[in-house]
Amino acid sequence: MAYLSTTCDWTRCLPNKSGLLNHRPLSRITLRKGSHELRLDLEHSANNGVHTGGHLWISSCHVSQWLCDQQEMMHGARVIELGCGLGLPSLVAARLGASVLATDALDALLVKLGTNATANGCPRIETQVLDFAERADVERARPEGTRWDLVLFADCIHGGQGWSLPSALVLLLRGTPSARAIGAFSVAIRPGAERFWTEAAHVGLRWRELGRSASEGSRLYEFTCADDARARHDWGEHIDSAEAQNVGLTSIFDGIE
């Protein structure tokens, strides 16, 4: 089976070589932990490949399965997702009892997420337009007195964003000793991914690999802040907007029929 059908256990599906699971209008996702099942219907928001966030990707399912596996710690947790796209991890976290802020740079995706949240009985989701390449946007997501227990992201590095994301993670995690980020990366080549790891070390992030998806299409990592972690003040100034938005989109969508 090449793509997710309308009803499917995601772990038995094979993504295409770019990490895409399904380009159809609707996916019914099944996540399992032991005898417990969590099912969600996900209406897509893609328009002939105009933006990547409107599709379902293997890394998003990988993060969502991790959340399902950790469901005992999710009730009451404060969770933020960066570059959420369709927001499957946000929906799962909310269904498991977390208070969730789902963010993306594209308002249209957040509108669709709101529709999906209502359809799946996820009232504990708020949305906010946020470009993690912009420091001011990230700072607005953490006003004084706000803490995040968990920061999520899934395959959201394209082009210049590899420079920005580590500083955004530091800004959201720093000051909360128990806070951590969970991020999934496609094994497919993503422009900017190599830069992410170099920059992550530079700003003081620590990480460990948590595992690979059943299809081997995604790697999952946990990130925490070192005591001396510092976000760059100028991270957005190093990004060429054309690079951040357009580099690699042709190869990412290769294989969509």
C-alpha atoms as a PDB file:
ATOM      1  CA  MET A   1       0.000   0.000   0.000  1.00  0.00           C
ATOM      2  CA  ALA A   2       1.632   3.243  -1.099  1.00  0.00           C
ATOM      3  CA  TYR A   3      -0.639   5.789   0.543  1.00  0.00           C
ATOM      4  CA  LEU A   4      -2.978   6.032   3.483  1.00  0.00           C
ATOM      5  CA  SER A   5      -6.468   4.934   2.530  1.00  0.00           C
ATOM      6  CA  THR A   6      -9.594   6.429   4.055  1.00  0.00           C
ATOM      7  CA  THR A   7      -9.282   4.053   7.029  1.00  0.00           C
ATOM      8  CA  CYS A   8      -5.853   2.855   8.052  1.00  0.00           C
ATOM      9  CA  ASP A   9      -3.360   1.978  10.755  1.00  0.00           C
ATOM     10  CA  TRP A  10      -0.598   4.432   9.800  1.00  0.00           C
ATOM     11  CA  THR A  11       2.202   2.095  10.901  1.00  0.00           C
ATOM     12  CA  ARG A  12       1.310  -0.300   8.073  1.00  0.00           C
ATOM     13  CA  CYS A  13       1.454   2.342   5.349  1.00  0.00           C
ATOM     14  CA  LEU A  14       4.493   3.203   3.298  1.00  0.00           C
ATOM     15  CA  PRO A  15       5.184   6.866   2.468  1.00  0.00           C
ATOM     16  CA  ASN A  16       6.483   7.871  -0.925  1.00  0.00           C
ATOM     17  CA  LYS A  17      10.182   8.719  -1.187  1.00  0.00           C
ATOM     18  CA  SER A  18       9.541  12.258   0.052  1.00  0.00           C
ATOM     19  CA  GLY A  19       7.730  11.156   3.220  1.00  0.00           C
ATOM     20  CA  LEU A  20       4.203  11.830   1.938  1.00  0.00           C
ATOM     21  CA  LEU A  21       1.562   9.431   3.252  1.00  0.00           C
ATOM     22  CA  ASN A  22      -1.620  10.632   1.617  1.00  0.00           C
ATOM     23  CA  HIS A  23      -2.622  13.229  -0.957  1.00  0.00           C
ATOM     24  CA  ARG A  24      -6.316  12.320  -0.880  1.00  0.00           C
ATOM     25  CA  PRO A  25      -8.895  14.760   0.570  1.00  0.00           C
ATOM     26  CA  LEU A  26      -9.498  12.789   3.772  1.00  0.00           C
ATOM     27  CA  SER A  27      -7.540  10.452   6.035  1.00  0.00           C
ATOM     28  CA  ARG A  28      -8.853   8.406   8.937  1.00  0.00           C
ATOM     29  CA  ILE A  29      -5.922   7.922  11.289  1.00  0.00           C
ATOM     30  CA  THR A  30      -5.691   5.064  13.795  1.00  0.00           C
ATOM     31  CA  LEU A  31      -3.152   5.255  16.630  1.00  0.00           C
ATOM     32  CA  ARG A  32      -2.749   2.404  19.100  1.00  0.00           C
ATOM     33  CA  LYS A  33      -1.231   1.754  22.492  1.00  0.00           C
ATOM     34  CA  GLY A  34      -1.943  -1.766  23.660  1.00  0.00           C
ATOM     35  CA  SER A  35      -5.691  -2.293  23.503  1.00  0.00           C
ATOM     36  CA  HIS A  36      -6.406   1.440  23.388  1.00  0.00           C
ATOM     37  CA  GLU A  37      -7.200   3.011  20.022  1.00  0.00           C
ATOM     38  CA  LEU A  38      -7.404   6.674  19.072  1.00  0.00           C
ATOM     39  CA  ARG A  39      -9.063   7.491  15.750  1.00  0.00           C
ATOM     40  CA  LEU A  40      -9.257  10.842  14.033  1.00  0.00           C
ATOM     41  CA  ASP A  41     -10.670  11.999  10.711  1.00  0.00           C
ATOM     42  CA  LEU A  42      -8.387  14.492   8.996  1.00  0.00           C
ATOM     43  CA  GLU A  43      -9.670  16.637   6.138  1.00  0.00           C
ATOM     44  CA  HIS A  44      -6.771  17.896   4.059  1.00  0.00           C
ATOM     45  CA  SER A  45      -6.082  21.470   2.999  1.00  0.00           C
ATOM     46  CA  ALA A  46      -3.829  21.015  -0.026  1.00  0.00           C
ATOM     47  CA  ASN A  47      -4.410  22.698  -3.358  1.00  0.00           C
ATOM     48  CA  ASN A  48      -2.519  20.884  -6.104  1.00  0.00           C
ATOM     49  CA  GLY A  49       0.696  20.944  -4.100  1.00  0.00           C
ATOM     50  CA  VAL A  50       0.710  24.699  -3.470  1.00  0.00           C
ATOM     51  CA  HIS A  51       1.961  24.249   0.083  1.00  0.00           C
ATOM     52  CA  THR A  52       3.400  21.301   1.944  1.00  0.00           C
ATOM     53  CA  GLY A  53       1.408  21.822   5.138  1.00  0.00           C
ATOM     54  CA  GLY A  54      -1.891  20.786   3.559  1.00  0.00           C
ATOM     55  CA  HIS A  55      -0.735  17.182   3.110  1.00  0.00           C
ATOM     56  CA  LEU A  56      -0.299  14.298   5.549  1.00  0.00           C
ATOM     57  CA  TRP A  57       3.346  13.349   6.165  1.00  0.00           C
ATOM     58  CA  ILE A  58       4.931  10.360   7.883  1.00  0.00           C
ATOM     59  CA  SER A  59       6.721  12.538  10.458  1.00  0.00           C
ATOM     60  CA  SER A  60       3.450  14.024  11.687  1.00  0.00           C
ATOM     61  CA  CYS A  61       2.098  10.522  12.339  1.00  0.00           C
ATOM     62  CA  HIS A  62       5.361   9.603  14.082  1.00  0.00           C
ATOM     63  CA  VAL A  63       5.044  12.469  16.582  1.00  0.00           C
ATOM     64  CA  SER A  64       1.355  11.624  17.070  1.00  0.00           C
ATOM     65  CA  GLN A  65       2.147   7.997  17.880  1.00  0.00           C
ATOM     66  CA  TRP A  66       4.718   9.118  20.456  1.00  0.00           C
ATOM     67  CA  LEU A  67       2.046  11.264  22.101  1.00  0.00           C
ATOM     68  CA  CYS A  68      -0.323   8.312  22.187  1.00  0.00           C
ATOM     69  CA  ASP A  69       2.398   6.177  23.779  1.00  0.00           C
ATOM     70  CA  GLN A  70       2.910   8.871  26.451  1.00  0.00           C
ATOM     71  CA  GLN A  71      -0.778   9.505  27.076  1.00  0.00           C
ATOM     72  CA  GLU A  72      -0.477   9.278  30.868  1.00  0.00           C
ATOM     73  CA  MET A  73       1.619  12.467  30.938  1.00  0.00           C
ATOM     74  CA  MET A  74      -0.543  14.425  28.495  1.00  0.00           C
ATOM     75  CA  HIS A  75      -3.492  15.305  30.721  1.00  0.00           C
ATOM     76  CA  GLY A  76      -3.141  18.930  31.762  1.00  0.00           C
ATOM     77  CA  ALA A  77       0.122  19.467  29.870  1.00  0.00           C
ATOM     78  CA  ARG A  78       0.675  22.747  28.016  1.00  0.00           C
ATOM     79  CA  VAL A  79       1.673  21.986  24.447  1.00  0.00           C
ATOM     80  CA  ILE A  80       2.635  24.154  21.475  1.00  0.00           C
ATOM     81  CA  GLU A  81       3.157  22.873  17.922  1.00  0.00           C
ATOM     82  CA  LEU A  82       5.310  24.808  15.441  1.00  0.00           C
ATOM     83  CA  GLY A  83       4.648  24.654  11.705  1.00  0.00           C
ATOM     84  CA  CYS A  84       1.625  22.499  12.435  1.00  0.00           C
ATOM     85  CA  GLY A  85       0.154  22.229   8.920  1.00  0.00           C
ATOM     86  CA  LEU A  86      -2.846  19.926   9.296  1.00  0.00           C
ATOM     87  CA  GLY A  87      -2.035  19.722  13.014  1.00  0.00           C
ATOM     88  CA  LEU A  88      -2.408  15.993  13.613  1.00  0.00           C
ATOM     89  CA  PRO A  89      -0.078  16.031  16.664  1.00  0.00           C
ATOM     90  CA  SER A  90      -2.042  18.974  18.098  1.00  0.00           C
ATOM     91  CA  LEU A  91      -5.323  17.105  17.638  1.00  0.00           C
ATOM     92  CA  VAL A  92      -3.920  13.999  19.323  1.00  0.00           C
ATOM     93  CA  ALA A  93      -2.481  15.974  22.251  1.00  0.00           C
ATOM     94  CA  ALA A  94      -5.832  17.710  22.766  1.00  0.00           C
ATOM     95  CA  ARG A  95      -7.759  14.452  22.641  1.00  0.00           C
ATOM     96  CA  LEU A  96      -5.410  13.132  25.337  1.00  0.00           C
ATOM     97  CA  GLY A  97      -6.195  16.048  27.647  1.00  0.00           C
ATOM     98  CA  ALA A  98      -3.490  18.614  26.915  1.00  0.00           C
ATOM     99  CA  SER A  99      -4.071  22.329  26.424  1.00  0.00           C
ATOM    100  CA  VAL A 100      -2.721  23.029  22.953  1.00  0.00           C
ATOM    101  CA  LEU A 101      -1.628  26.033  20.913  1.00  0.00           C
ATOM    102  CA  ALA A 102      -1.248  25.051  17.254  1.00  0.00           C
ATOM    103  CA  THR A 103       0.743  27.505  15.147  1.00  0.00           C
ATOM    104  CA  ASP A 104       1.583  27.939  11.485  1.00  0.00           C
ATOM    105  CA  ALA A 105       2.602  30.782   9.212  1.00  0.00           C
ATOM    106  CA  LEU A 106      -0.414  30.141   6.949  1.00  0.00           C
ATOM    107  CA  ASP A 107      -3.781  31.199   8.318  1.00  0.00           C
ATOM    108  CA  ALA A 108      -5.647  28.951   5.849  1.00  0.00           C
ATOM    109  CA  LEU A 109      -4.129  25.879   7.493  1.00  0.00           C
ATOM    110  CA  LEU A 110      -5.234  27.035  10.934  1.00  0.00           C
ATOM    111  CA  VAL A 111      -8.782  27.551   9.673  1.00  0.00           C
ATOM    112  CA  LYS A 112      -8.812  23.966   8.413  1.00  0.00           C
ATOM    113  CA  LEU A 113      -7.350  22.792  11.725  1.00  0.00           C
ATOM    114  CA  GLY A 114     -10.228  24.472  13.540  1.00  0.00           C
ATOM    115  CA  THR A 115     -12.673  22.540  11.365  1.00  0.00           C
ATOM    116  CA  ASN A 116     -10.863  19.273  12.065  1.00  0.00           C
ATOM    117  CA  ALA A 117     -10.709  20.028  15.791  1.00  0.00           C
ATOM    118  CA  THR A 118     -14.476  20.498  15.955  1.00  0.00           C
ATOM    119  CA  ALA A 119     -15.128  17.347  13.914  1.00  0.00           C
ATOM    120  CA  ASN A 120     -12.903  15.275  16.220  1.00  0.00           C
ATOM    121  CA  GLY A 121     -14.132  16.633  19.537  1.00  0.00           C
ATOM    122  CA  CYS A 122     -10.952  18.560  20.421  1.00  0.00           C
ATOM    123  CA  PRO A 123     -12.104  21.707  22.223  1.00  0.00           C
ATOM    124  CA  ARG A 124      -8.794  22.359  23.979  1.00  0.00           C
ATOM    125  CA  ILE A 125      -6.993  23.692  20.897  1.00  0.00           C
ATOM    126  CA  GLU A 126      -6.173  27.320  20.292  1.00  0.00           C
ATOM    127  CA  THR A 127      -4.534  28.526  17.080  1.00  0.00           C
ATOM    128  CA  GLN A 128      -2.156  31.380  16.338  1.00  0.00           C
ATOM    129  CA  VAL A 129      -0.509  32.584  13.149  1.00  0.00           C
ATOM    130  CA  LEU A 130       3.188  32.231  13.905  1.00  0.00           C
ATOM    131  CA  ASP A 131       6.250  32.096  11.676  1.00  0.00           C
ATOM    132  CA  PHE A 132       9.048  30.537  13.718  1.00  0.00           C
ATOM    133  CA  ALA A 133      11.530  32.284  11.430  1.00  0.00           C
ATOM    134  CA  GLU A 134      10.437  35.550  13.096  1.00  0.00           C
ATOM    135  CA  ARG A 135      11.659  36.114  16.656  1.00  0.00           C
ATOM    136  CA  ALA A 136       8.810  38.530  17.440  1.00  0.00           C
ATOM    137  CA  ASP A 137       6.234  35.878  16.504  1.00  0.00           C
ATOM    138  CA  VAL A 138       7.833  33.319  18.811  1.00  0.00           C
ATOM    139  CA  GLU A 139       8.085  35.816  21.665  1.00  0.00           C
ATOM    140  CA  ARG A 140       4.338  36.478  21.375  1.00  0.00           C
ATOM    141  CA  ALA A 141       3.755  32.764  21.910  1.00  0.00           C
ATOM    142  CA  ARG A 142       5.467  32.988  25.293  1.00  0.00           C
ATOM    143  CA  PRO A 143       4.301  36.101  27.122  1.00  0.00           C
ATOM    144  CA  GLU A 144       5.535  36.700  30.653  1.00  0.00           C
ATOM    145  CA  GLY A 145       4.460  33.948  33.002  1.00  0.00           C
ATOM    146  CA  THR A 146       3.685  31.442  30.243  1.00  0.00           C
ATOM    147  CA  ARG A 147       5.418  28.069  30.218  1.00  0.00           C
ATOM    148  CA  TRP A 148       5.300  25.233  27.728  1.00  0.00           C
ATOM    149  CA  ASP A 149       5.752  21.661  28.879  1.00  0.00           C
ATOM    150  CA  LEU A 150       6.099  20.298  25.364  1.00  0.00           C
ATOM    151  CA  VAL A 151       7.044  21.830  22.014  1.00  0.00           C
ATOM    152  CA  LEU A 152       6.191  19.745  18.952  1.00  0.00           C
ATOM    153  CA  PHE A 153       7.299  19.929  15.334  1.00  0.00           C
ATOM    154  CA  ALA A 154       7.242  17.508  12.417  1.00  0.00           C
ATOM    155  CA  ASP A 155       9.172  17.799   9.154  1.00  0.00           C
ATOM    156  CA  CYS A 156       8.852  21.580   9.066  1.00  0.00           C
ATOM    157  CA  ILE A 157      12.325  22.533   7.821  1.00  0.00           C
ATOM    158  CA  HIS A 158      12.564  23.709   4.232  1.00  0.00           C
ATOM    159  CA  GLY A 159      15.377  25.981   3.101  1.00  0.00           C
ATOM    160  CA  GLY A 160      16.343  28.790   5.486  1.00  0.00           C
ATOM    161  CA  GLN A 161      14.122  27.518   8.289  1.00  0.00           C
ATOM    162  CA  GLY A 162      16.905  25.168   9.332  1.00  0.00           C
ATOM    163  CA  TRP A 163      18.667  28.217  10.756  1.00  0.00           C
ATOM    164  CA  SER A 164      15.627  29.536  12.658  1.00  0.00           C
ATOM    165  CA  LEU A 165      14.066  26.550  14.364  1.00  0.00           C
ATOM    166  CA  PRO A 166      16.798  25.883  16.984  1.00  0.00           C
ATOM    167  CA  SER A 167      16.583  29.445  18.328  1.00  0.00           C
ATOM    168  CA  ALA A 168      12.797  29.239  18.399  1.00  0.00           C
ATOM    169  CA  LEU A 169      13.017  26.040  20.444  1.00  0.00           C
ATOM    170  CA  VAL A 170      15.417  27.633  22.924  1.00  0.00           C
ATOM    171  CA  LEU A 171      13.138  30.627  23.367  1.00  0.00           C
ATOM    172  CA  LEU A 172      10.142  28.392  24.109  1.00  0.00           C
ATOM    173  CA  LEU A 173      11.923  25.843  26.322  1.00  0.00           C
ATOM    174  CA  ARG A 174      14.310  27.997  28.335  1.00  0.00           C
ATOM    175  CA  GLY A 175      13.388  28.657  31.956  1.00  0.00           C
ATOM    176  CA  THR A 176      11.253  25.533  32.406  1.00  0.00           C
ATOM    177  CA  PRO A 177      13.589  22.733  33.581  1.00  0.00           C
ATOM    178  CA  SER A 178      11.185  19.914  32.716  1.00  0.00           C
ATOM    179  CA  ALA A 179      10.277  21.285  29.278  1.00  0.00           C
ATOM    180  CA  ARG A 180      11.291  19.429  26.167  1.00  0.00           C
ATOM    181  CA  ALA A 181      10.675  19.421  22.452  1.00  0.00           C
ATOM    182  CA  ILE A 182       9.723  16.397  20.394  1.00  0.00           C
ATOM    183  CA  GLY A 183      10.519  16.657  16.714  1.00  0.00           C
ATOM    184  CA  ALA A 184      10.387  14.269  13.769  1.00  0.00           C
ATOM    185  CA  PHE A 185      12.527  14.509  10.646  1.00  0.00           C
ATOM    186  CA  SER A 186      11.894  12.796   7.341  1.00  0.00           C
ATOM    187  CA  VAL A 187      14.736  10.610   6.137  1.00  0.00           C
ATOM    188  CA  ALA A 188      14.176  12.219   2.725  1.00  0.00           C
ATOM    189  CA  ILE A 189      16.548  15.081   1.939  1.00  0.00           C
ATOM    190  CA  ARG A 190      15.244  18.454   3.119  1.00  0.00           C
ATOM    191  CA  PRO A 191      17.102  21.653   2.183  1.00  0.00           C
ATOM    192  CA  GLY A 192      18.272  23.275   5.416  1.00  0.00           C
ATOM    193  CA  ALA A 193      18.191  20.132   7.573  1.00  0.00           C
ATOM    194  CA  GLU A 194      21.964  19.910   7.902  1.00  0.00           C
ATOM    195  CA  ARG A 195      22.047  23.561   8.956  1.00  0.00           C
ATOM    196  CA  PHE A 196      19.514  22.791  11.681  1.00  0.00           C
ATOM    197  CA  TRP A 197      21.849  20.380  13.488  1.00  0.00           C
ATOM    198  CA  THR A 198      24.820  22.743  13.295  1.00  0.00           C
ATOM    199  CA  GLU A 199      22.744  25.600  14.658  1.00  0.00           C
ATOM    200  CA  ALA A 200      21.141  23.413  17.348  1.00  0.00           C
ATOM    201  CA  ALA A 201      24.570  22.689  18.792  1.00  0.00           C
ATOM    202  CA  HIS A 202      25.556  26.360  18.548  1.00  0.00           C
ATOM    203  CA  VAL A 203      22.581  27.697  20.547  1.00  0.00           C
ATOM    204  CA  GLY A 204      22.872  25.041  23.270  1.00  0.00           C
ATOM    205  CA  LEU A 205      20.252  22.411  22.494  1.00  0.00           C
ATOM    206  CA  ARG A 206      20.820  18.840  23.619  1.00  0.00           C
ATOM    207  CA  TRP A 207      19.135  15.927  21.887  1.00  0.00           C
ATOM    208  CA  ARG A 208      18.765  12.194  21.704  1.00  0.00           C
ATOM    209  CA  GLU A 209      17.127   9.966  19.120  1.00  0.00           C
ATOM    210  CA  LEU A 210      13.960   8.248  20.321  1.00  0.00           C
ATOM    211  CA  GLY A 211      13.500   5.897  17.396  1.00  0.00           C
ATOM    212  CA  ARG A 212      12.403   5.449  13.808  1.00  0.00           C
ATOM    213  CA  SER A 213       8.959   4.928  12.372  1.00  0.00           C
ATOM    214  CA  ALA A 214       7.917   1.426  11.354  1.00  0.00           C
ATOM    215  CA  SER A 215       8.423   2.325   7.693  1.00  0.00           C
ATOM    216  CA  GLU A 216      11.897   3.798   8.440  1.00  0.00           C
ATOM    217  CA  GLY A 217      10.673   7.021   6.812  1.00  0.00           C
ATOM    218  CA  SER A 218      10.980   9.234   9.905  1.00  0.00           C
ATOM    219  CA  ARG A 219      13.344   9.748  12.842  1.00  0.00           C
ATOM    220  CA  LEU A 220      12.110  11.081  16.181  1.00  0.00           C
ATOM    221  CA  TYR A 221      14.207  13.186  18.593  1.00  0.00           C
ATOM    222  CA  GLU A 222      13.865  14.730  22.035  1.00  0.00           C
ATOM    223  CA  PHE A 223      15.419  18.172  22.628  1.00  0.00           C
ATOM    224  CA  THR A 224      16.199  19.967  25.879  1.00  0.00           C
ATOM    225  CA  CYS A 225      18.072  23.165  26.708  1.00  0.00           C
ATOM    226  CA  ALA A 226      21.533  23.241  28.192  1.00  0.00           C
ATOM    227  CA  ASP A 227      21.892  25.620  31.156  1.00  0.00           C
ATOM    228  CA  ASP A 228      23.704  28.142  28.973  1.00  0.00           C
ATOM    229  CA  ALA A 229      21.398  27.844  25.939  1.00  0.00           C
ATOM    230  CA  ARG A 230      20.847  31.172  24.196  1.00  0.00           C
ATOM    231  CA  ALA A 231      18.656  31.974  21.209  1.00  0.00           C
ATOM    232  CA  ARG A 232      20.166  34.200  18.557  1.00  0.00           C
ATOM    233  CA  HIS A 233      18.860  37.764  18.575  1.00  0.00           C
ATOM    234  CA  ASP A 234      19.094  38.043  14.807  1.00  0.00           C
ATOM    235  CA  TRP A 235      17.921  34.662  13.584  1.00  0.00           C
ATOM    236  CA  GLY A 236      15.345  35.999  11.113  1.00  0.00           C
ATOM    237  CA  GLU A 237      17.909  38.225   9.406  1.00  0.00           C
ATOM    238  CA  HIS A 238      19.772  35.199   8.032  1.00  0.00           C
ATOM    239  CA  ILE A 239      16.826  33.823   6.064  1.00  0.00           C
ATOM    240  CA  ASP A 240      16.104  34.509   2.460  1.00  0.00           C
ATOM    241  CA  SER A 241      12.306  34.312   2.185  1.00  0.00           C
ATOM    242  CA  ALA A 242      12.401  32.777  -1.283  1.00  0.00           C
ATOM    243  CA  GLU A 243      14.761  30.097  -0.021  1.00  0.00           C
ATOM    244  CA  ALA A 244      12.658  29.404   3.052  1.00  0.00           C
ATOM    245  CA  GLN A 245       9.415  29.057   1.122  1.00  0.00           C
ATOM    246  CA  ASN A 246      10.372  27.552  -2.213  1.00  0.00           C
ATOM    247  CA  VAL A 247      13.617  25.613  -2.089  1.00  0.00           C
ATOM    248  CA  GLY A 248      13.067  21.928  -2.611  1.00  0.00           C
ATOM    249  CA  LEU A 249       9.282  21.989  -3.088  1.00  0.00           C
ATOM    250  CA  THR A 250       9.566  20.295  -6.468  1.00  0.00           C
ATOM    251  CA  SER A 251      11.476  17.363  -5.024  1.00  0.00           C
ATOM    252  CA  ILE A 252       9.255  17.213  -1.918  1.00  0.00           C
ATOM    253  CA  PHE A 253       6.148  16.757  -4.058  1.00  0.00           C
ATOM    254  CA  ASP A 254       7.795  14.321  -6.444  1.00  0.00           C
ATOM    255  CA  GLY A 255       5.671  11.197  -6.625  1.00  0.00           C
ATOM    256  CA  ILE A 256       2.274  12.782  -5.957  1.00  0.00           C
ATOM    257  CA  GLU A 257      -0.151  11.517  -8.578  1.00  0.00           C
END
